[in-house]
C-alpha atoms as a PDB file:
ATOM      1  CA  MET A   1      62.578 -12.081  29.497  1.00  0.00           C
ATOM      2  CA  THR A   2      61.519 -15.294  28.340  1.00  0.00           C
ATOM      3  CA  THR A   3      58.111 -16.081  26.715  1.00  0.00           C
ATOM      4  CA  PRO A   4      55.989 -18.928  27.974  1.00  0.00           C
ATOM      5  CA  LYS A   5      55.620 -21.627  25.099  1.00  0.00           C
ATOM      6  CA  ASN A   6      53.204 -24.266  26.416  1.00  0.00           C
ATOM      7  CA  SER A   7      51.358 -22.527  29.290  1.00  0.00           C
ATOM      8  CA  SER A   8      47.850 -23.571  29.394  1.00  0.00           C
ATOM      9  CA  THR A   9      46.470 -20.294  29.789  1.00  0.00           C
ATOM     10  CA  ASN A  10      48.137 -19.081  26.519  1.00  0.00           C
ATOM     11  CA  PHE A  11      46.409 -19.478  23.221  1.00  0.00           C
ATOM     12  CA  PRO A  12      48.377 -20.938  20.410  1.00  0.00           C
ATOM     13  CA  LEU A  13      49.260 -17.767  18.135  1.00  0.00           C
ATOM     14  CA  ARG A  14      50.708 -19.562  15.025  1.00  0.00           C
ATOM     15  CA  PHE A  15      47.378 -21.329  14.703  1.00  0.00           C
ATOM     16  CA  ALA A  16      45.169 -18.197  15.208  1.00  0.00           C
ATOM     17  CA  ALA A  17      47.612 -16.519  12.801  1.00  0.00           C
ATOM     18  CA  ILE A  18      47.102 -19.270  10.076  1.00  0.00           C
ATOM     19  CA  ALA A  19      43.263 -19.338  11.144  1.00  0.00           C
ATOM     20  CA  GLY A  20      43.626 -15.275   9.970  1.00  0.00           C
ATOM     21  CA  ILE A  21      45.038 -16.108   6.965  1.00  0.00           C
ATOM     22  CA  LEU A  22      42.659 -18.700   5.627  1.00  0.00           C
ATOM     23  CA  ALA A  23      39.818 -15.836   6.841  1.00  0.00           C
ATOM     24  CA  SER A  24      41.494 -13.525   4.658  1.00  0.00           C
ATOM     25  CA  ALA A  25      41.750 -15.353   1.695  1.00  0.00           C
ATOM     26  CA  ILE A  26      37.955 -16.685   1.826  1.00  0.00           C
ATOM     27  CA  LEU A  27      36.980 -12.950   2.255  1.00  0.00           C
ATOM     28  CA  PHE A  28      38.983 -12.067  -0.766  1.00  0.00           C
ATOM     29  CA  VAL A  29      36.977 -15.103  -2.571  1.00  0.00           C
ATOM     30  CA  ASN A  30      33.917 -13.483  -1.284  1.00  0.00           C
ATOM     31  CA  ALA A  31      34.581 -10.077  -2.357  1.00  0.00           C
ATOM     32  CA  GLY A  32      35.600 -11.340  -6.119  1.00  0.00           C
ATOM     33  CA  LYS A  33      32.659 -13.491  -6.335  1.00  0.00           C
ATOM     34  CA  ARG A  34      30.230 -10.488  -5.419  1.00  0.00           C
ATOM     35  CA  ALA A  35      31.840  -8.334  -7.623  1.00  0.00           C
ATOM     36  CA  GLY A  36      31.620 -10.766 -10.584  1.00  0.00           C
ATOM     37  CA  LEU A  37      35.424 -11.561 -10.950  1.00  0.00           C
ATOM     38  CA  ILE A  38      34.761 -15.182  -9.481  1.00  0.00           C
ATOM     39  CA  PRO A  39      32.082 -17.024 -10.875  1.00  0.00           C
ATOM     40  CA  LEU A  40      29.714 -18.973  -8.351  1.00  0.00           C
ATOM     41  CA  SER A  41      30.087 -22.637  -7.507  1.00  0.00           C
ATOM     42  CA  PRO A  42      29.451 -24.955  -4.953  1.00  0.00           C
ATOM     43  CA  LEU A  43      32.638 -24.874  -3.788  1.00  0.00           C
ATOM     44  CA  THR A  44      32.770 -20.788  -3.340  1.00  0.00           C
ATOM     45  CA  GLN A  45      29.422 -21.451  -1.599  1.00  0.00           C
ATOM     46  CA  LEU A  46      30.298 -23.947   0.591  1.00  0.00           C
ATOM     47  CA  VAL A  47      33.776 -22.281   1.808  1.00  0.00           C
ATOM     48  CA  ALA A  48      32.139 -18.618   2.032  1.00  0.00           C
ATOM     49  CA  PRO A  49      30.805 -19.211   5.764  1.00  0.00           C
ATOM     50  CA  LEU A  50      34.303 -20.177   6.872  1.00  0.00           C
ATOM     51  CA  ALA A  51      35.758 -16.697   6.916  1.00  0.00           C
ATOM     52  CA  GLN A  52      33.656 -15.716  10.012  1.00  0.00           C
ATOM     53  CA  ALA A  53      34.001 -18.974  11.898  1.00  0.00           C
ATOM     54  CA  LEU A  54      37.926 -18.969  11.223  1.00  0.00           C
ATOM     55  CA  ALA A  55      37.959 -15.331  12.263  1.00  0.00           C
ATOM     56  CA  ILE A  56      36.727 -16.121  15.632  1.00  0.00           C
ATOM     57  CA  VAL A  57      40.157 -17.915  16.203  1.00  0.00           C
ATOM     58  CA  LEU A  58      42.213 -15.120  14.761  1.00  0.00           C
ATOM     59  CA  ILE A  59      40.100 -12.906  17.303  1.00  0.00           C
ATOM     60  CA  VAL A  60      41.268 -15.096  20.252  1.00  0.00           C
ATOM     61  CA  GLY A  61      44.605 -14.726  19.273  1.00  0.00           C
ATOM     62  CA  ILE A  62      44.674 -11.289  18.832  1.00  0.00           C
ATOM     63  CA  ALA A  63      43.393 -10.848  22.124  1.00  0.00           C
ATOM     64  CA  GLN A  64      45.783 -12.512  23.865  1.00  0.00           C
ATOM     65  CA  VAL A  65      48.405 -10.273  22.288  1.00  0.00           C
ATOM     66  CA  ALA A  66      46.965  -7.030  22.221  1.00  0.00           C
ATOM     67  CA  LEU A  67      44.627  -6.804  25.077  1.00  0.00           C
ATOM     68  CA  ARG A  68      46.527  -6.617  28.338  1.00  0.00           C
ATOM     69  CA  THR A  69      45.652  -3.698  29.856  1.00  0.00           C
ATOM     70  CA  THR A  70      41.921  -2.896  29.185  1.00  0.00           C
ATOM     71  CA  ARG A  71      40.624  -6.002  31.097  1.00  0.00           C
ATOM     72  CA  ARG A  72      37.004  -5.118  31.502  1.00  0.00           C
ATOM     73  CA  PHE A  73      36.151  -3.494  28.433  1.00  0.00           C
ATOM     74  CA  ALA A  74      38.326  -5.797  26.550  1.00  0.00           C
ATOM     75  CA  ALA A  75      36.418  -8.850  27.779  1.00  0.00           C
ATOM     76  CA  ILE A  76      33.141  -7.043  26.758  1.00  0.00           C
ATOM     77  CA  ALA A  77      34.156  -6.237  23.299  1.00  0.00           C
ATOM     78  CA  VAL A  78      35.392  -9.698  22.823  1.00  0.00           C
ATOM     79  CA  GLY A  79      32.815 -11.609  23.938  1.00  0.00           C
ATOM     80  CA  VAL A  80      30.234  -9.451  21.931  1.00  0.00           C
ATOM     81  CA  ASN A  81      32.643  -9.662  18.632  1.00  0.00           C
ATOM     82  CA  LEU A  82      32.734 -13.465  19.056  1.00  0.00           C
ATOM     83  CA  VAL A  83      28.833 -13.480  19.605  1.00  0.00           C
ATOM     84  CA  GLY A  84      28.640 -11.499  16.354  1.00  0.00           C
ATOM     85  CA  LEU A  85      31.232 -13.623  14.397  1.00  0.00           C
ATOM     86  CA  ALA A  86      29.123 -16.594  15.633  1.00  0.00           C
ATOM     87  CA  ALA A  87      26.017 -15.078  14.406  1.00  0.00           C
ATOM     88  CA  ALA A  88      27.379 -14.199  11.492  1.00  0.00           C
ATOM     89  CA  THR A  89      28.764 -17.784  10.169  1.00  0.00           C
ATOM     90  CA  GLY A  90      25.227 -18.591  10.485  1.00  0.00           C
ATOM     91  CA  THR A  91      23.835 -15.864   8.561  1.00  0.00           C
ATOM     92  CA  GLU A  92      26.404 -17.017   5.639  1.00  0.00           C
ATOM     93  CA  TRP A  93      25.528 -20.483   6.066  1.00  0.00           C
ATOM     94  CA  VAL A  94      21.708 -19.740   5.252  1.00  0.00           C
ATOM     95  CA  ILE A  95      22.646 -17.282   2.395  1.00  0.00           C
ATOM     96  CA  ASN A  96      25.079 -19.358   0.777  1.00  0.00           C
ATOM     97  CA  LEU A  97      23.700 -23.078   1.534  1.00  0.00           C
ATOM     98  CA  VAL A  98      19.986 -22.355   1.688  1.00  0.00           C
ATOM     99  CA  PHE A  99      19.100 -19.024  -0.166  1.00  0.00           C
ATOM    100  CA  ALA A 100      21.054 -20.225  -3.032  1.00  0.00           C
ATOM    101  CA  GLN A 101      18.808 -23.314  -3.905  1.00  0.00           C
ATOM    102  CA  LEU A 102      15.424 -21.202  -3.400  1.00  0.00           C
ATOM    103  CA  ASP A 103      13.698 -19.050  -5.402  1.00  0.00           C
ATOM    104  CA  ALA A 104      13.354 -14.999  -5.129  1.00  0.00           C
ATOM    105  CA  SER A 105       9.597 -14.945  -3.578  1.00  0.00           C
ATOM    106  CA  THR A 106      10.424 -17.804  -1.015  1.00  0.00           C
ATOM    107  CA  ILE A 107      13.458 -16.189  -0.097  1.00  0.00           C
ATOM    108  CA  THR A 108      11.583 -12.644   0.278  1.00  0.00           C
ATOM    109  CA  SER A 109       8.719 -14.738   2.351  1.00  0.00           C
ATOM    110  CA  LEU A 110      11.689 -15.936   4.766  1.00  0.00           C
ATOM    111  CA  ARG A 111      13.385 -12.793   5.236  1.00  0.00           C
ATOM    112  CA  SER A 112       9.599 -10.890   6.211  1.00  0.00           C
ATOM    113  CA  GLY A 113       9.396 -13.823   9.180  1.00  0.00           C
ATOM    114  CA  PRO A 114      11.711 -14.294  12.298  1.00  0.00           C
ATOM    115  CA  LEU A 115      14.510 -15.201  10.133  1.00  0.00           C
ATOM    116  CA  GLY A 116      14.397 -11.577   9.021  1.00  0.00           C
ATOM    117  CA  ILE A 117      14.689 -10.624  12.532  1.00  0.00           C
ATOM    118  CA  ALA A 118      17.524 -12.943  13.295  1.00  0.00           C
ATOM    119  CA  PHE A 119      19.213 -11.590  10.193  1.00  0.00           C
ATOM    120  CA  LEU A 120      18.989  -8.222  11.642  1.00  0.00           C
ATOM    121  CA  VAL A 121      20.114  -9.067  15.089  1.00  0.00           C
ATOM    122  CA  ALA A 122      23.066 -10.811  13.786  1.00  0.00           C
ATOM    123  CA  SER A 123      23.741  -7.743  11.699  1.00  0.00           C
ATOM    124  CA  VAL A 124      23.609  -5.539  14.961  1.00  0.00           C
ATOM    125  CA  VAL A 125      25.557  -7.792  17.161  1.00  0.00           C
ATOM    126  CA  PHE A 126      28.312  -8.181  14.379  1.00  0.00           C
ATOM    127  CA  LEU A 127      28.756  -4.748  13.917  1.00  0.00           C
ATOM    128  CA  ALA A 128      28.697  -3.462  17.469  1.00  0.00           C
ATOM    129  CA  GLY A 129      31.044  -6.224  18.532  1.00  0.00           C
ATOM    130  CA  SER A 130      33.652  -5.192  15.793  1.00  0.00           C
ATOM    131  CA  LEU A 131      33.487  -2.119  16.727  1.00  0.00           C
ATOM    132  CA  LEU A 132      33.980  -2.778  20.315  1.00  0.00           C
ATOM    133  CA  PHE A 133      36.741  -5.003  19.390  1.00  0.00           C
ATOM    134  CA  CYS A 134      38.676  -2.141  17.565  1.00  0.00           C
ATOM    135  CA  ILE A 135      38.161   0.331  20.164  1.00  0.00           C
ATOM    136  CA  ALA A 136      39.831  -1.865  22.758  1.00  0.00           C
ATOM    137  CA  LEU A 137      42.452  -2.486  20.507  1.00  0.00           C
ATOM    138  CA  PHE A 138      43.053   1.214  19.899  1.00  0.00           C
ATOM    139  CA  ARG A 139      42.806   1.905  23.874  1.00  0.00           C
ATOM    140  CA  ASP A 140      45.443  -0.656  24.532  1.00  0.00           C
ATOM    141  CA  GLY A 141      47.680   0.426  21.814  1.00  0.00           C
ATOM    142  CA  ALA A 142      49.659  -3.001  21.186  1.00  0.00           C
ATOM    143  CA  ALA A 143      48.125  -3.954  17.903  1.00  0.00           C
ATOM    144  CA  PRO A 144      48.885  -2.086  14.417  1.00  0.00           C
ATOM    145  CA  LYS A 145      46.525   0.907  14.196  1.00  0.00           C
ATOM    146  CA  ILE A 146      45.905   0.967  10.341  1.00  0.00           C
ATOM    147  CA  PRO A 147      44.530  -2.616  10.108  1.00  0.00           C
ATOM    148  CA  THR A 148      42.894  -1.792  13.075  1.00  0.00           C
ATOM    149  CA  ALA A 149      40.830   1.211  11.926  1.00  0.00           C
ATOM    150  CA  ALA A 150      40.726  -0.495   8.379  1.00  0.00           C
ATOM    151  CA  TYR A 151      38.667  -3.437   9.932  1.00  0.00           C
ATOM    152  CA  ALA A 152      36.646  -0.785  11.984  1.00  0.00           C
ATOM    153  CA  LEU A 153      35.436   1.038   8.862  1.00  0.00           C
ATOM    154  CA  ALA A 154      34.952  -2.190   6.997  1.00  0.00           C
ATOM    155  CA  SER A 155      32.586  -3.547   9.452  1.00  0.00           C
ATOM    156  CA  ILE A 156      29.983  -0.265   8.925  1.00  0.00           C
ATOM    157  CA  PRO A 157      28.881  -1.359   5.482  1.00  0.00           C
ATOM    158  CA  ILE A 158      29.045  -5.167   6.107  1.00  0.00           C
ATOM    159  CA  GLY A 159      26.929  -4.882   9.417  1.00  0.00           C
ATOM    160  CA  LEU A 160      24.684  -2.426   7.123  1.00  0.00           C
ATOM    161  CA  ARG A 161      24.669  -4.461   4.393  1.00  0.00           C
ATOM    162  CA  ASN A 162      21.146  -4.537   3.474  1.00  0.00           C
ATOM    163  CA  LEU A 163      21.510  -0.468   3.142  1.00  0.00           C
ATOM    164  CA  ALA A 164      24.747  -0.167   1.610  1.00  0.00           C
ATOM    165  CA  PRO A 165      25.438   0.280  -2.266  1.00  0.00           C
ATOM    166  CA  GLU A 166      26.886  -2.866  -4.043  1.00  0.00           C
ATOM    167  CA  ILE A 167      29.940  -0.932  -4.606  1.00  0.00           C
ATOM    168  CA  VAL A 168      30.701   0.001  -1.192  1.00  0.00           C
ATOM    169  CA  LEU A 169      29.966  -3.669   0.063  1.00  0.00           C
ATOM    170  CA  ASP A 170      32.171  -5.143  -2.252  1.00  0.00           C
ATOM    171  CA  SER A 171      35.043  -2.593  -1.479  1.00  0.00           C
ATOM    172  CA  ALA A 172      34.314  -3.433   2.458  1.00  0.00           C
ATOM    173  CA  LEU A 173      34.762  -7.233   2.065  1.00  0.00           C
ATOM    174  CA  ALA A 174      38.191  -6.442   0.207  1.00  0.00           C
ATOM    175  CA  VAL A 175      39.312  -3.944   2.848  1.00  0.00           C
ATOM    176  CA  LEU A 176      38.502  -6.333   5.684  1.00  0.00           C
ATOM    177  CA  ALA A 177      40.403  -9.404   3.947  1.00  0.00           C
ATOM    178  CA  GLY A 178      43.306  -6.941   3.816  1.00  0.00           C
ATOM    179  CA  SER A 179      43.429  -6.111   7.126  1.00  0.00           C
ATOM    180  CA  VAL A 180      42.174  -9.434   8.729  1.00  0.00           C
ATOM    181  CA  LEU A 181      45.882 -10.425   6.688  1.00  0.00           C
ATOM    182  CA  TRP A 182      47.599  -7.943   8.132  1.00  0.00           C
ATOM    183  CA  LEU A 183      46.518  -8.947  11.410  1.00  0.00           C
ATOM    184  CA  ALA A 184      47.070 -12.252  11.102  1.00  0.00           C
ATOM    185  CA  LEU A 185      50.566 -11.713   9.663  1.00  0.00           C
ATOM    186  CA  TRP A 186      51.490  -9.331  12.794  1.00  0.00           C
ATOM    187  CA  LEU A 187      50.761 -12.368  15.317  1.00  0.00           C
ATOM    188  CA  PHE A 188      53.612 -14.501  13.552  1.00  0.00           C
ATOM    189  CA  ASN A 189      55.845 -11.764  14.970  1.00  0.00           C
ATOM    190  CA  PRO A 190      57.578 -13.516  18.059  1.00  0.00           C
ATOM    191  CA  VAL A 191      57.979 -10.367  19.951  1.00  0.00           C
ATOM    192  CA  ASN A 192      54.081 -10.387  19.989  1.00  0.00           C
ATOM    193  CA  ALA A 193      53.707 -13.241  22.578  1.00  0.00           C
ATOM    194  CA  PRO A 194      52.313 -12.586  25.889  1.00  0.00           C
ATOM    195  CA  ARG A 195      54.866 -12.167  28.546  1.00  0.00           C
ATOM    196  CA  SER A 196      54.304 -13.186  32.065  1.00  0.00           C
ATOM    197  CA  SER A 197      55.248  -9.790  33.271  1.00  0.00           C
ATOM    198  CA  ALA A 198      53.296  -7.850  30.817  1.00  0.00           C
ATOM    199  CA  GLY A 199      50.725  -6.494  33.334  1.00  0.00           C
ATOM    200  CA  PRO A 200      46.928  -7.316  33.023  1.00  0.00           C
ATOM    201  CA  THR A 201      46.575  -9.752  30.186  1.00  0.00           C
ATOM    202  CA  LEU A 202      43.049 -10.779  28.743  1.00  0.00           C
ATOM    203  CA  LYS A 203      43.057 -14.685  29.988  1.00  0.00           C
ATOM    204  CA  LEU A 204      40.680 -16.546  27.644  1.00  0.00           C
ATOM    205  CA  ALA A 205      41.659 -20.319  28.324  1.00  0.00           C
ATOM    206  CA  GLN A 206      42.453 -20.307  31.920  1.00  0.00           C
ATOM    207  CA  HIS A 207      41.715 -23.785  33.819  1.00  0.00           C
END
């Protein structure tokens, strides 16, 4: 059985895997930064939001490979997850590149207005999207279960970051980084590539 290499309906999996590895590396840096193991710097603040942005690319690749049978639920899960990651990217840009230049009182004032509501909505959508996506992966059964479960569990304190203790949040970031790395490396396995006769497949780039 041959695997289509250059079909317009196939997202480049190696690209998605590399994006996932880079996202994992940034997440590890973010976890180390929050834990005080890595010092704050303009560079670490600048690259911090890229973890969520790169994760979007990884999710698209995983969806193409792992979501072959649960089409309707999978489409909803992927859609919510992508919106949640995009919203989380915006949140991280504000926290790392705007709040870093402001005093505590100004930050508190901004959080008490519409920006705080936007942060809350972003967190809820991120959490819902992450859990729905992991449920879809479990239902389909193609993706490795350990990193999928770790991804889901780590998303809970991250989505509830204002309620989670600092040590729990730091640990969750590290666990999320590890699960993202595992899933990204899994995408490099050529036997995971979509097959033309594999049954229903989530088409994300069909023209």
